[in-house]
Amino acid sequence: MTRTRLTDVACSIARATDLFADAWTALIMRDVLVGITRFDDLAEDLQISRKVLTARLSRLVEEGVLARERYQQHPPREHYVPTEKGKELFPVLLALMNWGDRWYSQDGPPVRVHHRDCGRDTTAVTTCAHCHQPLTIDNTTQLPGPGGRLGPATSVIGPLLAGRRTR
């Protein structure tokens, strides 16, 4: 039996989560987006093996999510900075954080998100790009898109979506 690679599945969730094969990648991105960008600092904060950290950082650079940037010439030193693609993961991480705060925090959220523009603490809310109302599973319907196709990991969901209509 041939193993399906998630990057080959006609599903954006499958392709995106292939990058996040384990929690370390999400935690690396959390740290980098907060400002921990040097290898040794990441290794210390995450208490992760240097081998695993090297592999995850290499993949994030290869995928164009992070870039290596020289911050010192002598001796040469580089750190990791988020690319535009990497910065766009911020709302994804906020959504995971909100869910974790709701279902797994014991003494309240470990981190507060402060919106500098209005000066208030906030939480991320996923809203409709048109009417700005919150999106939930109860008020949305998933429909087939132009990139959809039947295949591994879409052989049941594809026909299900194809049979749906908007109201």
N, C-alpha and C. Protein backbone atom coordinates (compact mmCIF):
# COMPACT_ATOMS: atom_id res chain seq x y z
N MET A 1 0.84 -1.18 0.00
CA MET A 1 0.00 0.00 0.00
C MET A 1 0.88 1.24 0.00
N THR A 2 0.60 2.18 -0.89
CA THR A 2 1.38 3.39 -1.00
C THR A 2 0.94 4.39 0.06
N ARG A 3 1.89 4.99 0.70
CA ARG A 3 1.59 5.98 1.74
C ARG A 3 1.29 7.32 1.09
N THR A 4 0.20 7.95 1.50
CA THR A 4 -0.20 9.25 0.98
C THR A 4 0.63 10.34 1.64
N ARG A 5 1.21 11.19 0.83
CA ARG A 5 1.90 12.37 1.34
C ARG A 5 0.88 13.48 1.44
N LEU A 6 0.85 14.15 2.58
CA LEU A 6 -0.15 15.20 2.77
C LEU A 6 0.03 16.35 1.78
N THR A 7 1.24 16.57 1.31
CA THR A 7 1.45 17.65 0.34
C THR A 7 0.79 17.35 -0.99
N ASP A 8 0.45 16.07 -1.23
CA ASP A 8 -0.19 15.67 -2.48
C ASP A 8 -1.71 15.64 -2.40
N VAL A 9 -2.27 15.89 -1.23
CA VAL A 9 -3.71 15.82 -1.04
C VAL A 9 -4.34 17.15 -1.47
N ALA A 10 -5.46 17.08 -2.15
CA ALA A 10 -6.16 18.29 -2.61
C ALA A 10 -6.97 18.88 -1.47
N CYS A 11 -6.27 19.29 -0.42
CA CYS A 11 -6.90 19.87 0.76
C CYS A 11 -5.90 20.84 1.39
N SER A 12 -6.30 22.08 1.53
CA SER A 12 -5.39 23.09 2.10
C SER A 12 -5.04 22.79 3.55
N ILE A 13 -5.96 22.18 4.30
CA ILE A 13 -5.65 21.82 5.69
C ILE A 13 -4.58 20.74 5.71
N ALA A 14 -4.70 19.74 4.85
CA ALA A 14 -3.70 18.67 4.79
C ALA A 14 -2.33 19.23 4.40
N ARG A 15 -2.30 20.07 3.39
CA ARG A 15 -1.02 20.62 2.94
C ARG A 15 -0.38 21.51 4.00
N ALA A 16 -1.19 22.31 4.67
CA ALA A 16 -0.65 23.22 5.69
C ALA A 16 -0.17 22.45 6.91
N THR A 17 -0.94 21.44 7.34
CA THR A 17 -0.54 20.71 8.54
C THR A 17 0.63 19.78 8.28
N ASP A 18 0.91 19.48 7.02
CA ASP A 18 2.11 18.69 6.71
C ASP A 18 3.36 19.41 7.22
N LEU A 19 3.35 20.73 7.15
CA LEU A 19 4.47 21.51 7.66
C LEU A 19 4.56 21.38 9.18
N PHE A 20 3.40 21.30 9.83
CA PHE A 20 3.34 21.20 11.29
C PHE A 20 3.21 19.74 11.68
N ALA A 21 4.21 18.95 11.32
CA ALA A 21 4.18 17.52 11.59
C ALA A 21 4.15 17.21 13.08
N ASP A 22 4.62 18.12 13.88
CA ASP A 22 4.57 17.95 15.33
C ASP A 22 4.46 19.31 16.00
N ALA A 23 4.28 19.31 17.28
CA ALA A 23 4.08 20.56 18.02
C ALA A 23 5.32 21.45 18.01
N TRP A 24 6.50 20.88 17.83
CA TRP A 24 7.72 21.69 17.87
C TRP A 24 7.69 22.81 16.84
N THR A 25 7.18 22.52 15.65
CA THR A 25 7.17 23.54 14.60
C THR A 25 6.29 24.71 15.00
N ALA A 26 5.13 24.44 15.57
CA ALA A 26 4.25 25.52 16.03
C ALA A 26 4.92 26.31 17.15
N LEU A 27 5.59 25.63 18.05
CA LEU A 27 6.25 26.32 19.16
C LEU A 27 7.45 27.14 18.68
N ILE A 28 8.16 26.64 17.69
CA ILE A 28 9.26 27.42 17.10
C ILE A 28 8.69 28.70 16.49
N MET A 29 7.59 28.57 15.75
CA MET A 29 6.99 29.76 15.14
C MET A 29 6.47 30.71 16.22
N ARG A 30 5.88 30.18 17.27
CA ARG A 30 5.43 31.02 18.39
C ARG A 30 6.59 31.87 18.90
N ASP A 31 7.72 31.22 19.17
CA ASP A 31 8.88 31.91 19.71
C ASP A 31 9.43 32.95 18.73
N VAL A 32 9.59 32.56 17.47
CA VAL A 32 10.15 33.49 16.48
C VAL A 32 9.24 34.70 16.31
N LEU A 33 7.94 34.48 16.25
CA LEU A 33 7.01 35.60 16.07
C LEU A 33 6.98 36.53 17.28
N VAL A 34 7.32 36.00 18.45
CA VAL A 34 7.38 36.83 19.66
C VAL A 34 8.73 37.55 19.76
N GLY A 35 9.75 37.06 19.03
CA GLY A 35 11.04 37.74 19.03
C GLY A 35 12.23 36.91 19.46
N ILE A 36 12.05 35.64 19.70
CA ILE A 36 13.17 34.75 20.02
C ILE A 36 13.65 34.17 18.70
N THR A 37 14.76 34.66 18.20
CA THR A 37 15.16 34.33 16.83
C THR A 37 16.50 33.62 16.70
N ARG A 38 17.26 33.54 17.78
CA ARG A 38 18.58 32.91 17.72
C ARG A 38 18.48 31.44 18.10
N PHE A 39 19.25 30.63 17.42
CA PHE A 39 19.21 29.17 17.60
C PHE A 39 19.36 28.78 19.07
N ASP A 40 20.40 29.28 19.73
CA ASP A 40 20.64 28.89 21.12
C ASP A 40 19.49 29.31 22.04
N ASP A 41 18.90 30.47 21.79
CA ASP A 41 17.77 30.92 22.60
C ASP A 41 16.55 30.04 22.36
N LEU A 42 16.32 29.65 21.12
CA LEU A 42 15.20 28.74 20.82
C LEU A 42 15.41 27.40 21.51
N ALA A 43 16.63 26.87 21.41
CA ALA A 43 16.93 25.58 22.04
C ALA A 43 16.73 25.65 23.55
N GLU A 44 17.16 26.74 24.16
CA GLU A 44 17.02 26.89 25.61
C GLU A 44 15.55 27.05 26.01
N ASP A 45 14.82 27.90 25.30
CA ASP A 45 13.43 28.14 25.65
C ASP A 45 12.59 26.89 25.50
N LEU A 46 12.77 26.18 24.41
CA LEU A 46 11.92 25.02 24.11
C LEU A 46 12.41 23.73 24.77
N GLN A 47 13.66 23.74 25.24
CA GLN A 47 14.24 22.50 25.80
C GLN A 47 14.12 21.37 24.78
N ILE A 48 14.50 21.67 23.56
CA ILE A 48 14.41 20.76 22.43
C ILE A 48 15.82 20.34 22.03
N SER A 49 15.97 19.14 21.53
CA SER A 49 17.31 18.71 21.10
C SER A 49 17.75 19.57 19.92
N ARG A 50 19.05 19.80 19.85
CA ARG A 50 19.60 20.62 18.78
C ARG A 50 19.35 19.96 17.43
N LYS A 51 19.36 18.66 17.38
CA LYS A 51 19.12 17.94 16.13
C LYS A 51 17.70 18.17 15.63
N VAL A 52 16.73 18.06 16.53
CA VAL A 52 15.32 18.29 16.15
C VAL A 52 15.12 19.74 15.76
N LEU A 53 15.69 20.67 16.54
CA LEU A 53 15.54 22.09 16.22
C LEU A 53 16.14 22.41 14.86
N THR A 54 17.32 21.87 14.57
CA THR A 54 17.96 22.10 13.28
C THR A 54 17.08 21.60 12.15
N ALA A 55 16.51 20.41 12.30
CA ALA A 55 15.65 19.84 11.26
C ALA A 55 14.41 20.70 11.04
N ARG A 56 13.77 21.14 12.12
CA ARG A 56 12.54 21.93 11.99
C ARG A 56 12.84 23.30 11.39
N LEU A 57 13.91 23.94 11.84
CA LEU A 57 14.28 25.25 11.28
C LEU A 57 14.64 25.13 9.80
N SER A 58 15.35 24.08 9.44
CA SER A 58 15.71 23.87 8.02
C SER A 58 14.46 23.73 7.17
N ARG A 59 13.48 22.99 7.65
CA ARG A 59 12.23 22.81 6.90
C ARG A 59 11.49 24.14 6.77
N LEU A 60 11.43 24.92 7.86
CA LEU A 60 10.73 26.20 7.81
C LEU A 60 11.42 27.17 6.84
N VAL A 61 12.75 27.13 6.77
CA VAL A 61 13.49 27.95 5.81
C VAL A 61 13.23 27.44 4.39
N GLU A 62 13.29 26.13 4.21
CA GLU A 62 13.05 25.52 2.90
C GLU A 62 11.65 25.86 2.37
N GLU A 63 10.68 25.90 3.26
CA GLU A 63 9.30 26.20 2.87
C GLU A 63 9.04 27.70 2.70
N GLY A 64 10.03 28.53 3.02
CA GLY A 64 9.86 29.97 2.86
C GLY A 64 9.07 30.62 3.99
N VAL A 65 8.99 29.95 5.13
CA VAL A 65 8.27 30.48 6.29
C VAL A 65 9.20 31.34 7.15
N LEU A 66 10.45 30.90 7.24
CA LEU A 66 11.50 31.65 7.94
C LEU A 66 12.64 31.92 6.96
N ALA A 67 13.42 32.94 7.27
CA ALA A 67 14.64 33.22 6.51
C ALA A 67 15.79 33.36 7.50
N ARG A 68 16.96 32.91 7.08
CA ARG A 68 18.17 33.14 7.88
C ARG A 68 18.68 34.53 7.53
N GLU A 69 19.02 35.27 8.56
CA GLU A 69 19.51 36.62 8.34
C GLU A 69 20.75 36.84 9.20
N ARG A 70 21.78 37.37 8.59
CA ARG A 70 23.01 37.64 9.31
C ARG A 70 22.83 38.87 10.19
N TYR A 71 23.16 38.73 11.46
CA TYR A 71 23.07 39.88 12.37
C TYR A 71 24.44 40.29 12.91
N GLN A 72 25.49 39.50 12.60
CA GLN A 72 26.84 39.83 13.06
C GLN A 72 27.82 39.27 12.05
N GLN A 73 28.84 40.06 11.69
CA GLN A 73 29.81 39.65 10.69
C GLN A 73 30.98 38.85 11.28
N HIS A 74 31.53 39.31 12.41
CA HIS A 74 32.71 38.66 13.00
C HIS A 74 32.47 38.33 14.46
N PRO A 75 32.40 37.08 14.83
CA PRO A 75 32.26 35.94 13.95
C PRO A 75 30.87 35.96 13.30
N PRO A 76 30.73 35.28 12.18
CA PRO A 76 29.43 35.31 11.48
C PRO A 76 28.34 34.65 12.34
N ARG A 77 27.25 35.37 12.51
CA ARG A 77 26.11 34.86 13.28
C ARG A 77 24.82 35.17 12.52
N GLU A 78 23.93 34.20 12.52
CA GLU A 78 22.64 34.37 11.85
C GLU A 78 21.52 34.08 12.82
N HIS A 79 20.37 34.65 12.53
CA HIS A 79 19.18 34.33 13.29
C HIS A 79 18.04 34.08 12.29
N TYR A 80 16.90 33.72 12.80
CA TYR A 80 15.77 33.35 11.96
C TYR A 80 14.69 34.42 12.08
N VAL A 81 14.24 34.90 10.94
CA VAL A 81 13.19 35.92 10.92
C VAL A 81 12.02 35.40 10.08
N PRO A 82 10.80 35.77 10.47
CA PRO A 82 9.66 35.32 9.69
C PRO A 82 9.56 36.05 8.37
N THR A 83 9.23 35.33 7.33
CA THR A 83 8.93 35.93 6.03
C THR A 83 7.47 36.37 6.08
N GLU A 84 6.99 36.94 5.00
CA GLU A 84 5.57 37.30 4.93
C GLU A 84 4.71 36.05 5.12
N LYS A 85 5.12 34.96 4.50
CA LYS A 85 4.41 33.68 4.65
C LYS A 85 4.40 33.26 6.12
N GLY A 86 5.50 33.44 6.81
CA GLY A 86 5.59 33.09 8.22
C GLY A 86 4.74 33.99 9.10
N LYS A 87 4.73 35.29 8.80
CA LYS A 87 3.93 36.23 9.58
C LYS A 87 2.44 35.91 9.46
N GLU A 88 2.04 35.36 8.32
CA GLU A 88 0.63 35.03 8.12
C GLU A 88 0.19 33.82 8.94
N LEU A 89 1.13 33.15 9.60
CA LEU A 89 0.77 32.07 10.52
C LEU A 89 0.29 32.61 11.87
N PHE A 90 0.53 33.89 12.13
CA PHE A 90 0.16 34.47 13.43
C PHE A 90 -1.31 34.25 13.78
N PRO A 91 -2.27 34.53 12.89
CA PRO A 91 -3.66 34.29 13.25
C PRO A 91 -3.97 32.81 13.52
N VAL A 92 -3.26 31.92 12.83
CA VAL A 92 -3.44 30.49 13.06
C VAL A 92 -3.01 30.14 14.48
N LEU A 93 -1.85 30.66 14.88
CA LEU A 93 -1.36 30.40 16.23
C LEU A 93 -2.26 31.05 17.28
N LEU A 94 -2.80 32.23 16.98
CA LEU A 94 -3.75 32.86 17.91
C LEU A 94 -5.00 32.01 18.08
N ALA A 95 -5.48 31.44 16.99
CA ALA A 95 -6.67 30.58 17.07
C ALA A 95 -6.38 29.35 17.93
N LEU A 96 -5.22 28.73 17.74
CA LEU A 96 -4.83 27.59 18.57
C LEU A 96 -4.70 27.99 20.03
N MET A 97 -4.12 29.17 20.26
CA MET A 97 -3.96 29.67 21.62
C MET A 97 -5.32 29.89 22.28
N ASN A 98 -6.25 30.52 21.56
CA ASN A 98 -7.59 30.75 22.12
C ASN A 98 -8.27 29.44 22.49
N TRP A 99 -8.16 28.47 21.62
CA TRP A 99 -8.77 27.16 21.87
C TRP A 99 -8.11 26.51 23.08
N GLY A 100 -6.79 26.56 23.15
CA GLY A 100 -6.08 26.00 24.30
C GLY A 100 -6.40 26.73 25.60
N ASP A 101 -6.54 28.06 25.52
CA ASP A 101 -6.92 28.83 26.71
C ASP A 101 -8.30 28.40 27.21
N ARG A 102 -9.21 28.17 26.28
CA ARG A 102 -10.58 27.80 26.66
C ARG A 102 -10.65 26.40 27.25
N TRP A 103 -9.94 25.45 26.64
CA TRP A 103 -10.13 24.05 27.01
C TRP A 103 -9.03 23.46 27.88
N TYR A 104 -7.87 24.10 27.96
CA TYR A 104 -6.76 23.49 28.68
C TYR A 104 -6.08 24.37 29.72
N SER A 105 -6.42 25.66 29.79
CA SER A 105 -5.71 26.48 30.79
C SER A 105 -6.26 26.17 32.17
N GLN A 106 -5.37 26.14 33.14
CA GLN A 106 -5.76 25.77 34.50
C GLN A 106 -5.91 26.99 35.39
N ASP A 107 -5.05 27.97 35.22
CA ASP A 107 -5.07 29.16 36.07
C ASP A 107 -5.31 30.42 35.24
N GLY A 108 -5.94 30.27 34.10
CA GLY A 108 -6.14 31.39 33.20
C GLY A 108 -5.11 31.35 32.08
N PRO A 109 -5.33 32.16 31.07
CA PRO A 109 -4.41 32.17 29.91
C PRO A 109 -2.98 32.51 30.33
N PRO A 110 -1.99 31.78 29.82
CA PRO A 110 -0.60 32.07 30.15
C PRO A 110 -0.08 33.35 29.48
N VAL A 111 -0.75 33.78 28.41
CA VAL A 111 -0.30 34.95 27.66
C VAL A 111 -1.51 35.82 27.33
N ARG A 112 -1.31 37.14 27.38
CA ARG A 112 -2.34 38.07 26.94
C ARG A 112 -1.88 38.67 25.62
N VAL A 113 -2.83 38.92 24.73
CA VAL A 113 -2.53 39.57 23.46
C VAL A 113 -3.01 41.01 23.57
N HIS A 114 -2.09 41.94 23.41
CA HIS A 114 -2.39 43.36 23.54
C HIS A 114 -2.37 44.01 22.17
N HIS A 115 -3.47 44.63 21.79
CA HIS A 115 -3.57 45.31 20.50
C HIS A 115 -3.06 46.74 20.66
N ARG A 116 -1.91 47.02 20.08
CA ARG A 116 -1.29 48.33 20.25
C ARG A 116 -2.12 49.46 19.66
N ASP A 117 -2.86 49.18 18.58
CA ASP A 117 -3.62 50.25 17.93
C ASP A 117 -4.71 50.84 18.82
N CYS A 118 -5.41 49.99 19.57
CA CYS A 118 -6.49 50.50 20.43
C CYS A 118 -6.10 50.49 21.91
N GLY A 119 -4.96 49.89 22.23
CA GLY A 119 -4.48 49.91 23.61
C GLY A 119 -5.18 48.94 24.54
N ARG A 120 -5.83 47.91 24.01
CA ARG A 120 -6.58 46.98 24.85
C ARG A 120 -6.12 45.54 24.62
N ASP A 121 -6.27 44.72 25.66
CA ASP A 121 -6.05 43.29 25.52
C ASP A 121 -7.21 42.72 24.70
N THR A 122 -6.92 41.68 23.93
CA THR A 122 -7.93 41.15 23.03
C THR A 122 -7.74 39.66 22.80
N THR A 123 -8.65 39.07 22.08
CA THR A 123 -8.52 37.70 21.58
C THR A 123 -8.84 37.73 20.09
N ALA A 124 -8.32 36.78 19.38
CA ALA A 124 -8.56 36.71 17.94
C ALA A 124 -9.96 36.16 17.68
N VAL A 125 -10.62 36.73 16.68
CA VAL A 125 -11.93 36.26 16.27
C VAL A 125 -11.89 36.11 14.76
N THR A 126 -12.31 34.96 14.26
CA THR A 126 -12.38 34.74 12.82
C THR A 126 -13.73 35.24 12.33
N THR A 127 -13.69 36.20 11.41
CA THR A 127 -14.93 36.81 10.93
C THR A 127 -15.03 36.72 9.42
N CYS A 128 -16.24 36.90 8.94
CA CYS A 128 -16.51 36.93 7.51
C CYS A 128 -15.85 38.17 6.91
N ALA A 129 -15.17 38.01 5.80
CA ALA A 129 -14.50 39.13 5.14
C ALA A 129 -15.50 40.14 4.58
N HIS A 130 -16.76 39.75 4.44
CA HIS A 130 -17.76 40.64 3.84
C HIS A 130 -18.62 41.35 4.89
N CYS A 131 -19.22 40.59 5.81
CA CYS A 131 -20.14 41.20 6.77
C CYS A 131 -19.52 41.37 8.16
N HIS A 132 -18.34 40.82 8.37
CA HIS A 132 -17.58 40.94 9.62
C HIS A 132 -18.23 40.24 10.81
N GLN A 133 -19.17 39.34 10.56
CA GLN A 133 -19.77 38.55 11.63
C GLN A 133 -18.85 37.35 11.91
N PRO A 134 -18.82 36.86 13.17
CA PRO A 134 -17.99 35.70 13.49
C PRO A 134 -18.38 34.47 12.65
N LEU A 135 -17.38 33.70 12.25
CA LEU A 135 -17.61 32.46 11.52
C LEU A 135 -17.60 31.29 12.50
N THR A 136 -18.61 30.44 12.41
CA THR A 136 -18.69 29.24 13.24
C THR A 136 -19.06 28.06 12.36
N ILE A 137 -18.95 26.88 12.89
CA ILE A 137 -19.36 25.69 12.15
C ILE A 137 -20.87 25.72 11.90
N ASP A 138 -21.62 26.37 12.78
CA ASP A 138 -23.07 26.41 12.66
C ASP A 138 -23.57 27.42 11.63
N ASN A 139 -22.76 28.43 11.28
CA ASN A 139 -23.26 29.42 10.32
C ASN A 139 -22.48 29.43 9.00
N THR A 140 -21.74 28.35 8.73
CA THR A 140 -21.01 28.24 7.47
C THR A 140 -21.29 26.89 6.80
N THR A 141 -21.02 26.84 5.51
CA THR A 141 -21.10 25.60 4.74
C THR A 141 -19.85 25.52 3.89
N GLN A 142 -19.21 24.39 3.87
CA GLN A 142 -18.03 24.20 3.04
C GLN A 142 -18.50 23.66 1.69
N LEU A 143 -18.06 24.30 0.62
CA LEU A 143 -18.44 23.95 -0.74
C LEU A 143 -17.18 23.60 -1.53
N PRO A 144 -17.33 22.85 -2.64
CA PRO A 144 -16.13 22.53 -3.43
C PRO A 144 -15.52 23.78 -4.05
N GLY A 145 -14.19 23.78 -4.10
CA GLY A 145 -13.47 24.90 -4.70
C GLY A 145 -12.80 24.46 -5.99
N PRO A 146 -12.21 25.41 -6.71
CA PRO A 146 -11.62 25.09 -8.01
C PRO A 146 -10.43 24.13 -7.94
N GLY A 147 -9.76 24.06 -6.79
CA GLY A 147 -8.60 23.17 -6.67
C GLY A 147 -8.94 21.80 -6.11
N GLY A 148 -10.20 21.55 -5.83
CA GLY A 148 -10.60 20.27 -5.26
C GLY A 148 -10.56 19.15 -6.29
N ARG A 149 -10.24 17.97 -5.81
CA ARG A 149 -10.28 16.78 -6.67
C ARG A 149 -10.37 15.56 -5.78
N LEU A 150 -10.86 14.48 -6.33
CA LEU A 150 -10.95 13.23 -5.59
C LEU A 150 -9.58 12.58 -5.56
N GLY A 151 -9.28 11.94 -4.44
CA GLY A 151 -8.01 11.25 -4.30
C GLY A 151 -7.82 10.85 -2.87
N PRO A 152 -6.59 10.53 -2.51
CA PRO A 152 -6.31 10.17 -1.12
C PRO A 152 -6.72 11.31 -0.17
N ALA A 153 -7.40 10.97 0.89
CA ALA A 153 -7.85 11.89 1.93
C ALA A 153 -8.97 12.82 1.47
N THR A 154 -9.51 12.60 0.26
CA THR A 154 -10.65 13.39 -0.21
C THR A 154 -11.70 12.53 -0.91
N SER A 155 -11.59 11.21 -0.83
CA SER A 155 -12.50 10.33 -1.57
C SER A 155 -13.91 10.31 -1.00
N VAL A 156 -14.08 10.66 0.26
CA VAL A 156 -15.42 10.72 0.86
C VAL A 156 -15.88 12.18 0.98
N ILE A 157 -14.98 13.04 1.42
CA ILE A 157 -15.37 14.45 1.60
C ILE A 157 -15.64 15.15 0.26
N GLY A 158 -14.92 14.78 -0.79
CA GLY A 158 -15.13 15.40 -2.10
C GLY A 158 -16.57 15.28 -2.59
N PRO A 159 -17.12 14.05 -2.67
CA PRO A 159 -18.52 13.91 -3.08
C PRO A 159 -19.50 14.58 -2.10
N LEU A 160 -19.18 14.54 -0.81
CA LEU A 160 -20.04 15.20 0.17
C LEU A 160 -20.15 16.70 -0.15
N LEU A 161 -19.00 17.35 -0.35
CA LEU A 161 -19.01 18.78 -0.67
C LEU A 161 -19.67 19.06 -2.00
N ALA A 162 -19.43 18.19 -2.99
CA ALA A 162 -20.00 18.39 -4.32
C ALA A 162 -21.53 18.37 -4.29
N GLY A 163 -22.10 17.65 -3.33
CA GLY A 163 -23.56 17.57 -3.22
C GLY A 163 -24.18 18.73 -2.46
N ARG A 164 -23.38 19.62 -1.93
CA ARG A 164 -23.92 20.73 -1.13
C ARG A 164 -24.25 21.92 -2.02
N ARG A 165 -25.17 22.68 -1.53
CA ARG A 165 -25.59 23.92 -2.20
C ARG A 165 -25.58 25.06 -1.19
N THR A 166 -25.42 26.28 -1.67
CA THR A 166 -25.56 27.44 -0.77
C THR A 166 -27.04 27.68 -0.55
N ARG A 167 -27.37 28.34 0.57
CA ARG A 167 -28.79 28.65 0.79
C ARG A 167 -29.08 30.04 0.37
